[in-house]
């Protein structure tokens, strides 16, 4: 089964997350196609933007729980390598010379939120929610979420999202400027396409330089990405994650010590 693909739409690439059965949960295939799309956008002058979209009505539910279960059997060093795959996707999005637009249906959770925040612009449908769900299952944010959220949101809201795991609605995110367009239900991709139309013409090199300057204005994200990776590798092997992940799979509330 194909879990992700790239659609070539002339002056833009659309990366499709096709893991609808798991609400767009992350997959190795998705990592690969996002990285490929960003590399193609850097190499092909005709390409002016990249859109991340999903099938099934939900942008991305974050890490696949079955994958997280298997991670617990790995050594911490092995987990660090695996977690680095997601960090590299975030780096690819940030380094991509053309704007990367997230078209969010339903919502973005956990590493799916990290993925959305890594993008340059977010379009989200009315009713969508954003949740840093890691703490609910005894894990910590990764994929650059703490770095990107700290750049985009007030410290107290980042704390609320990460320590309490509370969903934040699209209207609140739009009021804070994180969501650029609130789309009608079913119209996230169309609104993302409209943004891509604005990038279809004009100075590609100038925009690439502007994107790089905006990125450097917030400082080097490398250290924070590495800190997240180390913390997640430890957390995935911990007792709290063991209970939290199993409780999620059992559809019950976790019982943390």
C-alpha atoms as a PDB file:
ATOM      1  CA  UNK A   1       0.000   0.000   0.000  1.00  0.00           C
ATOM      2  CA  UNK A   2       1.305   3.425  -0.979  1.00  0.00           C
ATOM      3  CA  UNK A   3       1.283   5.787   1.998  1.00  0.00           C
ATOM      4  CA  UNK A   4       2.578   8.939   0.294  1.00  0.00           C
ATOM      5  CA  UNK A   5       3.134  10.328  -3.164  1.00  0.00           C
ATOM      6  CA  UNK A   6       4.158  13.476  -5.033  1.00  0.00           C
ATOM      7  CA  UNK A   7       1.815  15.153  -7.503  1.00  0.00           C
ATOM      8  CA  UNK A   8       3.581  17.370 -10.054  1.00  0.00           C
ATOM      9  CA  UNK A   9       1.264  20.332 -10.664  1.00  0.00           C
ATOM     10  CA  UNK A  10       3.389  22.450 -12.988  1.00  0.00           C
ATOM     11  CA  UNK A  11       4.876  25.246 -10.909  1.00  0.00           C
ATOM     12  CA  UNK A  12       4.311  23.390  -7.633  1.00  0.00           C
ATOM     13  CA  UNK A  13       4.547  19.958  -6.069  1.00  0.00           C
ATOM     14  CA  UNK A  14       1.829  18.537  -3.865  1.00  0.00           C
ATOM     15  CA  UNK A  15       2.950  15.963  -1.318  1.00  0.00           C
ATOM     16  CA  UNK A  16       0.060  13.670  -0.471  1.00  0.00           C
ATOM     17  CA  UNK A  17      -0.067  11.884   2.879  1.00  0.00           C
ATOM     18  CA  UNK A  18      -2.215   8.871   1.965  1.00  0.00           C
ATOM     19  CA  UNK A  19      -2.249   7.078   5.325  1.00  0.00           C
ATOM     20  CA  UNK A  20      -5.964   7.779   5.788  1.00  0.00           C
ATOM     21  CA  UNK A  21      -6.597   4.572   7.746  1.00  0.00           C
ATOM     22  CA  UNK A  22      -4.393   5.942  10.546  1.00  0.00           C
ATOM     23  CA  UNK A  23      -5.479   9.582  10.290  1.00  0.00           C
ATOM     24  CA  UNK A  24      -2.374  10.532   8.360  1.00  0.00           C
ATOM     25  CA  UNK A  25       0.099   9.058  10.854  1.00  0.00           C
ATOM     26  CA  UNK A  26       3.733   9.480   9.909  1.00  0.00           C
ATOM     27  CA  UNK A  27       5.404   6.893   7.705  1.00  0.00           C
ATOM     28  CA  UNK A  28       8.825   6.311   6.196  1.00  0.00           C
ATOM     29  CA  UNK A  29       7.239   6.862   2.780  1.00  0.00           C
ATOM     30  CA  UNK A  30       6.019  10.308   3.854  1.00  0.00           C
ATOM     31  CA  UNK A  31       9.490  11.224   5.082  1.00  0.00           C
ATOM     32  CA  UNK A  32      10.936  10.152   1.751  1.00  0.00           C
ATOM     33  CA  UNK A  33       8.510  12.039  -0.470  1.00  0.00           C
ATOM     34  CA  UNK A  34       8.723  15.272   1.535  1.00  0.00           C
ATOM     35  CA  UNK A  35      12.512  15.140   1.340  1.00  0.00           C
ATOM     36  CA  UNK A  36      12.359  14.351  -2.377  1.00  0.00           C
ATOM     37  CA  UNK A  37       9.921  17.195  -3.048  1.00  0.00           C
ATOM     38  CA  UNK A  38      12.128  19.705  -1.231  1.00  0.00           C
ATOM     39  CA  UNK A  39      15.192  18.495  -3.154  1.00  0.00           C
ATOM     40  CA  UNK A  40      13.346  18.765  -6.462  1.00  0.00           C
ATOM     41  CA  UNK A  41      12.156  22.269  -5.582  1.00  0.00           C
ATOM     42  CA  UNK A  42      15.766  23.279  -4.996  1.00  0.00           C
ATOM     43  CA  UNK A  43      16.961  21.754  -8.275  1.00  0.00           C
ATOM     44  CA  UNK A  44      14.181  22.728 -10.690  1.00  0.00           C
ATOM     45  CA  UNK A  45      13.720  26.486 -11.343  1.00  0.00           C
ATOM     46  CA  UNK A  46      10.155  25.977 -12.626  1.00  0.00           C
ATOM     47  CA  UNK A  47       9.006  24.922  -9.156  1.00  0.00           C
ATOM     48  CA  UNK A  48       7.819  27.794  -6.990  1.00  0.00           C
ATOM     49  CA  UNK A  49       6.142  26.111  -4.023  1.00  0.00           C
ATOM     50  CA  UNK A  50       5.437  22.821  -2.258  1.00  0.00           C
ATOM     51  CA  UNK A  51       2.100  21.947  -0.647  1.00  0.00           C
ATOM     52  CA  UNK A  52       1.675  19.289   2.039  1.00  0.00           C
ATOM     53  CA  UNK A  53      -1.820  17.776   1.903  1.00  0.00           C
ATOM     54  CA  UNK A  54      -3.576  14.650   3.139  1.00  0.00           C
ATOM     55  CA  UNK A  55      -6.274  12.207   2.205  1.00  0.00           C
ATOM     56  CA  UNK A  56      -8.955  11.106   4.637  1.00  0.00           C
ATOM     57  CA  UNK A  57      -9.858  14.391   6.289  1.00  0.00           C
ATOM     58  CA  UNK A  58      -7.019  14.681   8.839  1.00  0.00           C
ATOM     59  CA  UNK A  59      -3.656  16.314   8.153  1.00  0.00           C
ATOM     60  CA  UNK A  60      -1.438  14.175  10.378  1.00  0.00           C
ATOM     61  CA  UNK A  61      -2.003  12.403  13.692  1.00  0.00           C
ATOM     62  CA  UNK A  62       1.713  12.167  14.444  1.00  0.00           C
ATOM     63  CA  UNK A  63       3.685   9.033  15.179  1.00  0.00           C
ATOM     64  CA  UNK A  64       2.203   5.606  14.511  1.00  0.00           C
ATOM     65  CA  UNK A  65       1.642   3.892  17.867  1.00  0.00           C
ATOM     66  CA  UNK A  66       2.697   0.498  16.570  1.00  0.00           C
ATOM     67  CA  UNK A  67       5.987   2.019  15.454  1.00  0.00           C
ATOM     68  CA  UNK A  68       6.451   3.583  18.888  1.00  0.00           C
ATOM     69  CA  UNK A  69       5.920   0.176  20.509  1.00  0.00           C
ATOM     70  CA  UNK A  70       8.698  -1.347  18.400  1.00  0.00           C
ATOM     71  CA  UNK A  71      10.995   1.582  19.239  1.00  0.00           C
ATOM     72  CA  UNK A  72      10.916   0.598  22.892  1.00  0.00           C
ATOM     73  CA  UNK A  73      12.791  -2.602  22.048  1.00  0.00           C
ATOM     74  CA  UNK A  74      15.683  -0.618  20.545  1.00  0.00           C
ATOM     75  CA  UNK A  75      18.662   0.768  22.394  1.00  0.00           C
ATOM     76  CA  UNK A  76      18.703   4.488  23.104  1.00  0.00           C
ATOM     77  CA  UNK A  77      21.400   4.956  20.455  1.00  0.00           C
ATOM     78  CA  UNK A  78      19.229   3.153  17.897  1.00  0.00           C
ATOM     79  CA  UNK A  79      16.229   5.292  18.845  1.00  0.00           C
ATOM     80  CA  UNK A  80      18.288   8.455  18.352  1.00  0.00           C
ATOM     81  CA  UNK A  81      19.031   7.368  14.778  1.00  0.00           C
ATOM     82  CA  UNK A  82      15.357   6.624  14.053  1.00  0.00           C
ATOM     83  CA  UNK A  83      14.155   9.899  15.566  1.00  0.00           C
ATOM     84  CA  UNK A  84      16.717  11.691  13.428  1.00  0.00           C
ATOM     85  CA  UNK A  85      14.712  10.716  10.334  1.00  0.00           C
ATOM     86  CA  UNK A  86      11.892  13.038  11.401  1.00  0.00           C
ATOM     87  CA  UNK A  87      14.327  15.784  12.382  1.00  0.00           C
ATOM     88  CA  UNK A  88      15.867  15.583   8.902  1.00  0.00           C
ATOM     89  CA  UNK A  89      12.439  16.071   7.308  1.00  0.00           C
ATOM     90  CA  UNK A  90      11.947  19.234   9.365  1.00  0.00           C
ATOM     91  CA  UNK A  91      15.377  20.458   8.281  1.00  0.00           C
ATOM     92  CA  UNK A  92      14.540  19.739   4.632  1.00  0.00           C
ATOM     93  CA  UNK A  93      11.361  21.825   4.858  1.00  0.00           C
ATOM     94  CA  UNK A  94      13.202  24.704   6.495  1.00  0.00           C
ATOM     95  CA  UNK A  95      16.048  24.561   3.957  1.00  0.00           C
ATOM     96  CA  UNK A  96      13.744  24.285   0.935  1.00  0.00           C
ATOM     97  CA  UNK A  97      14.261  27.464  -1.150  1.00  0.00           C
ATOM     98  CA  UNK A  98      10.580  27.782  -2.106  1.00  0.00           C
ATOM     99  CA  UNK A  99       7.635  28.308   0.258  1.00  0.00           C
ATOM    100  CA  UNK A 100       6.207  25.140   1.781  1.00  0.00           C
ATOM    101  CA  UNK A 101       2.481  25.368   2.573  1.00  0.00           C
ATOM    102  CA  UNK A 102       0.584  23.062   4.936  1.00  0.00           C
ATOM    103  CA  UNK A 103      -3.038  22.402   3.929  1.00  0.00           C
ATOM    104  CA  UNK A 104      -4.538  21.235   7.221  1.00  0.00           C
ATOM    105  CA  UNK A 105      -7.795  19.302   7.258  1.00  0.00           C
ATOM    106  CA  UNK A 106      -9.231  18.157  10.568  1.00  0.00           C
ATOM    107  CA  UNK A 107      -6.136  18.905  12.565  1.00  0.00           C
ATOM    108  CA  UNK A 108      -2.508  18.203  13.325  1.00  0.00           C
ATOM    109  CA  UNK A 109      -1.370  16.266  16.387  1.00  0.00           C
ATOM    110  CA  UNK A 110       2.006  15.453  17.889  1.00  0.00           C
ATOM    111  CA  UNK A 111       4.651  15.225  15.205  1.00  0.00           C
ATOM    112  CA  UNK A 112       1.950  16.216  12.721  1.00  0.00           C
ATOM    113  CA  UNK A 113       1.877  19.587  14.470  1.00  0.00           C
ATOM    114  CA  UNK A 114       5.665  19.713  14.224  1.00  0.00           C
ATOM    115  CA  UNK A 115       5.334  19.109  10.495  1.00  0.00           C
ATOM    116  CA  UNK A 116       2.780  21.902  10.077  1.00  0.00           C
ATOM    117  CA  UNK A 117       4.819  24.374  12.124  1.00  0.00           C
ATOM    118  CA  UNK A 118       7.925  23.600  10.073  1.00  0.00           C
ATOM    119  CA  UNK A 119       6.105  24.911   6.991  1.00  0.00           C
ATOM    120  CA  UNK A 120       6.282  28.545   5.919  1.00  0.00           C
ATOM    121  CA  UNK A 121       2.521  29.016   5.750  1.00  0.00           C
ATOM    122  CA  UNK A 122      -0.434  27.126   7.204  1.00  0.00           C
ATOM    123  CA  UNK A 123      -3.922  26.960   5.725  1.00  0.00           C
ATOM    124  CA  UNK A 124      -6.410  25.233   8.012  1.00  0.00           C
ATOM    125  CA  UNK A 125     -10.068  24.427   7.686  1.00  0.00           C
ATOM    126  CA  UNK A 126     -12.663  25.770  10.091  1.00  0.00           C
ATOM    127  CA  UNK A 127     -12.968  23.376  13.013  1.00  0.00           C
ATOM    128  CA  UNK A 128      -9.393  22.121  12.754  1.00  0.00           C
ATOM    129  CA  UNK A 129      -7.416  21.722  15.966  1.00  0.00           C
ATOM    130  CA  UNK A 130      -3.748  21.618  16.838  1.00  0.00           C
ATOM    131  CA  UNK A 131      -2.498  19.503  19.714  1.00  0.00           C
ATOM    132  CA  UNK A 132       0.939  18.681  21.087  1.00  0.00           C
ATOM    133  CA  UNK A 133      -0.253  15.313  22.347  1.00  0.00           C
ATOM    134  CA  UNK A 134       3.100  13.892  23.444  1.00  0.00           C
ATOM    135  CA  UNK A 135       2.622  14.364  27.191  1.00  0.00           C
ATOM    136  CA  UNK A 136      -0.585  12.321  27.103  1.00  0.00           C
ATOM    137  CA  UNK A 137       1.427   9.173  26.450  1.00  0.00           C
ATOM    138  CA  UNK A 138       4.531  10.021  28.445  1.00  0.00           C
ATOM    139  CA  UNK A 139       6.620  11.386  25.571  1.00  0.00           C
ATOM    140  CA  UNK A 140       8.221  14.723  24.699  1.00  0.00           C
ATOM    141  CA  UNK A 141       7.937  16.910  21.587  1.00  0.00           C
ATOM    142  CA  UNK A 142      10.199  16.222  18.625  1.00  0.00           C
ATOM    143  CA  UNK A 143      10.433  17.096  14.951  1.00  0.00           C
ATOM    144  CA  UNK A 144      11.396  20.650  15.865  1.00  0.00           C
ATOM    145  CA  UNK A 145       8.109  21.396  17.598  1.00  0.00           C
ATOM    146  CA  UNK A 146       9.524  23.268  20.575  1.00  0.00           C
ATOM    147  CA  UNK A 147      11.779  25.321  18.312  1.00  0.00           C
ATOM    148  CA  UNK A 148       9.062  26.165  15.791  1.00  0.00           C
ATOM    149  CA  UNK A 149       6.320  26.720  18.384  1.00  0.00           C
ATOM    150  CA  UNK A 150       8.592  29.031  20.373  1.00  0.00           C
ATOM    151  CA  UNK A 151       9.136  31.100  17.235  1.00  0.00           C
ATOM    152  CA  UNK A 152       5.437  31.309  16.429  1.00  0.00           C
ATOM    153  CA  UNK A 153       3.588  31.368  19.763  1.00  0.00           C
ATOM    154  CA  UNK A 154       3.738  33.036  23.187  1.00  0.00           C
ATOM    155  CA  UNK A 155       5.712  31.075  25.768  1.00  0.00           C
ATOM    156  CA  UNK A 156       2.662  30.512  27.952  1.00  0.00           C
ATOM    157  CA  UNK A 157       0.692  28.976  25.083  1.00  0.00           C
ATOM    158  CA  UNK A 158       3.606  26.705  24.163  1.00  0.00           C
ATOM    159  CA  UNK A 159       3.682  25.640  27.820  1.00  0.00           C
ATOM    160  CA  UNK A 160      -0.087  25.040  27.846  1.00  0.00           C
ATOM    161  CA  UNK A 161       0.068  22.948  24.696  1.00  0.00           C
ATOM    162  CA  UNK A 162       3.118  20.903  25.648  1.00  0.00           C
ATOM    163  CA  UNK A 163       2.577  20.340  29.381  1.00  0.00           C
ATOM    164  CA  UNK A 164      -1.206  19.917  29.340  1.00  0.00           C
ATOM    165  CA  UNK A 165      -1.701  18.471  25.865  1.00  0.00           C
ATOM    166  CA  UNK A 166      -4.741  20.669  25.289  1.00  0.00           C
ATOM    167  CA  UNK A 167      -5.993  21.162  21.727  1.00  0.00           C
ATOM    168  CA  UNK A 168      -5.895  24.709  20.368  1.00  0.00           C
ATOM    169  CA  UNK A 169      -8.547  25.657  17.843  1.00  0.00           C
ATOM    170  CA  UNK A 170      -7.907  27.119  14.427  1.00  0.00           C
ATOM    171  CA  UNK A 171      -9.450  30.476  15.317  1.00  0.00           C
ATOM    172  CA  UNK A 172      -7.016  30.995  18.184  1.00  0.00           C
ATOM    173  CA  UNK A 173      -4.093  29.982  15.984  1.00  0.00           C
ATOM    174  CA  UNK A 174      -5.281  32.357  13.273  1.00  0.00           C
ATOM    175  CA  UNK A 175      -5.645  35.223  15.747  1.00  0.00           C
ATOM    176  CA  UNK A 176      -2.011  34.679  16.735  1.00  0.00           C
ATOM    177  CA  UNK A 177      -0.958  34.728  13.080  1.00  0.00           C
ATOM    178  CA  UNK A 178       0.155  31.095  12.917  1.00  0.00           C
ATOM    179  CA  UNK A 179      -2.616  30.095  10.507  1.00  0.00           C
ATOM    180  CA  UNK A 180      -2.570  32.359   7.457  1.00  0.00           C
ATOM    181  CA  UNK A 181      -5.952  31.338   6.028  1.00  0.00           C
ATOM    182  CA  UNK A 182      -8.973  29.760   7.701  1.00  0.00           C
ATOM    183  CA  UNK A 183     -10.656  27.798   4.930  1.00  0.00           C
ATOM    184  CA  UNK A 184     -14.177  26.467   4.701  1.00  0.00           C
ATOM    185  CA  UNK A 185     -14.601  22.761   5.380  1.00  0.00           C
ATOM    186  CA  UNK A 186     -13.171  20.819   2.460  1.00  0.00           C
ATOM    187  CA  UNK A 187     -11.380  23.862   1.028  1.00  0.00           C
ATOM    188  CA  UNK A 188      -7.920  23.697   2.633  1.00  0.00           C
ATOM    189  CA  UNK A 189      -6.203  22.483  -0.518  1.00  0.00           C
ATOM    190  CA  UNK A 190      -7.987  25.035  -2.712  1.00  0.00           C
ATOM    191  CA  UNK A 191      -6.890  27.868  -0.425  1.00  0.00           C
ATOM    192  CA  UNK A 192      -3.341  26.485  -0.323  1.00  0.00           C
ATOM    193  CA  UNK A 193      -3.399  26.405  -4.129  1.00  0.00           C
ATOM    194  CA  UNK A 194      -4.446  30.068  -4.128  1.00  0.00           C
ATOM    195  CA  UNK A 195      -1.386  30.904  -2.029  1.00  0.00           C
ATOM    196  CA  UNK A 196       0.750  28.834  -4.381  1.00  0.00           C
ATOM    197  CA  UNK A 197      -0.672  30.855  -7.294  1.00  0.00           C
ATOM    198  CA  UNK A 198       0.780  33.976  -5.685  1.00  0.00           C
ATOM    199  CA  UNK A 199       4.218  32.357  -5.771  1.00  0.00           C
ATOM    200  CA  UNK A 200       3.892  31.030  -9.333  1.00  0.00           C
ATOM    201  CA  UNK A 201       5.277  34.234 -10.812  1.00  0.00           C
ATOM    202  CA  UNK A 202       7.828  36.708  -9.591  1.00  0.00           C
ATOM    203  CA  UNK A 203      11.392  36.569  -8.303  1.00  0.00           C
ATOM    204  CA  UNK A 204      12.164  32.995  -7.208  1.00  0.00           C
ATOM    205  CA  UNK A 205      15.736  33.763  -6.118  1.00  0.00           C
ATOM    206  CA  UNK A 206      14.653  36.817  -4.141  1.00  0.00           C
ATOM    207  CA  UNK A 207      12.010  34.822  -2.313  1.00  0.00           C
ATOM    208  CA  UNK A 208      14.538  32.085  -1.551  1.00  0.00           C
ATOM    209  CA  UNK A 209      16.869  34.686  -0.025  1.00  0.00           C
ATOM    210  CA  UNK A 210      14.015  36.190   1.991  1.00  0.00           C
ATOM    211  CA  UNK A 211      13.029  32.750   3.327  1.00  0.00           C
ATOM    212  CA  UNK A 212      16.642  32.100   4.354  1.00  0.00           C
ATOM    213  CA  UNK A 213      16.862  35.487   6.092  1.00  0.00           C
ATOM    214  CA  UNK A 214      13.643  34.863   7.995  1.00  0.00           C
ATOM    215  CA  UNK A 215      15.008  31.486   9.089  1.00  0.00           C
ATOM    216  CA  UNK A 216      18.319  32.872  10.283  1.00  0.00           C
ATOM    217  CA  UNK A 217      16.594  35.693  12.181  1.00  0.00           C
ATOM    218  CA  UNK A 218      15.407  33.153  14.747  1.00  0.00           C
ATOM    219  CA  UNK A 219      18.849  31.725  15.361  1.00  0.00           C
ATOM    220  CA  UNK A 220      20.284  28.264  14.783  1.00  0.00           C
ATOM    221  CA  UNK A 221      17.611  25.578  15.288  1.00  0.00           C
ATOM    222  CA  UNK A 222      20.154  22.739  15.176  1.00  0.00           C
ATOM    223  CA  UNK A 223      20.825  22.608  18.914  1.00  0.00           C
ATOM    224  CA  UNK A 224      17.124  22.517  19.778  1.00  0.00           C
ATOM    225  CA  UNK A 225      16.470  19.752  17.254  1.00  0.00           C
ATOM    226  CA  UNK A 226      19.296  17.715  18.766  1.00  0.00           C
ATOM    227  CA  UNK A 227      18.012  18.340  22.292  1.00  0.00           C
ATOM    228  CA  UNK A 228      14.553  17.124  21.236  1.00  0.00           C
ATOM    229  CA  UNK A 229      16.023  14.043  19.628  1.00  0.00           C
ATOM    230  CA  UNK A 230      17.973  13.067  22.752  1.00  0.00           C
ATOM    231  CA  UNK A 231      14.988  13.705  25.037  1.00  0.00           C
ATOM    232  CA  UNK A 232      12.619  11.692  22.841  1.00  0.00           C
ATOM    233  CA  UNK A 233      15.055   8.771  22.633  1.00  0.00           C
ATOM    234  CA  UNK A 234      15.147   8.635  26.434  1.00  0.00           C
ATOM    235  CA  UNK A 235      11.383   9.072  26.782  1.00  0.00           C
ATOM    236  CA  UNK A 236      10.533   6.307  24.306  1.00  0.00           C
ATOM    237  CA  UNK A 237      12.377   3.822  26.481  1.00  0.00           C
ATOM    238  CA  UNK A 238      10.880   5.039  29.758  1.00  0.00           C
ATOM    239  CA  UNK A 239       8.158   3.502  31.920  1.00  0.00           C
ATOM    240  CA  UNK A 240       5.790   6.438  31.388  1.00  0.00           C
ATOM    241  CA  UNK A 241       5.858   5.993  27.613  1.00  0.00           C
ATOM    242  CA  UNK A 242       5.362   2.267  28.029  1.00  0.00           C
ATOM    243  CA  UNK A 243       2.187   2.853  30.019  1.00  0.00           C
ATOM    244  CA  UNK A 244       0.995   5.788  27.899  1.00  0.00           C
ATOM    245  CA  UNK A 245       1.385   4.044  24.558  1.00  0.00           C
ATOM    246  CA  UNK A 246      -0.197   0.815  25.777  1.00  0.00           C
ATOM    247  CA  UNK A 247      -3.108   2.734  27.294  1.00  0.00           C
ATOM    248  CA  UNK A 248      -3.682   4.485  23.977  1.00  0.00           C
ATOM    249  CA  UNK A 249      -3.734   1.163  22.154  1.00  0.00           C
ATOM    250  CA  UNK A 250      -6.052  -0.295  24.819  1.00  0.00           C
ATOM    251  CA  UNK A 251      -8.333   2.765  24.524  1.00  0.00           C
ATOM    252  CA  UNK A 252      -8.132   3.536  28.214  1.00  0.00           C
ATOM    253  CA  UNK A 253      -6.740   6.343  30.356  1.00  0.00           C
ATOM    254  CA  UNK A 254      -3.074   5.836  31.302  1.00  0.00           C
ATOM    255  CA  UNK A 255      -2.153   5.254  34.903  1.00  0.00           C
ATOM    256  CA  UNK A 256       1.096   7.105  35.423  1.00  0.00           C
ATOM    257  CA  UNK A 257       3.069   6.626  38.673  1.00  0.00           C
END
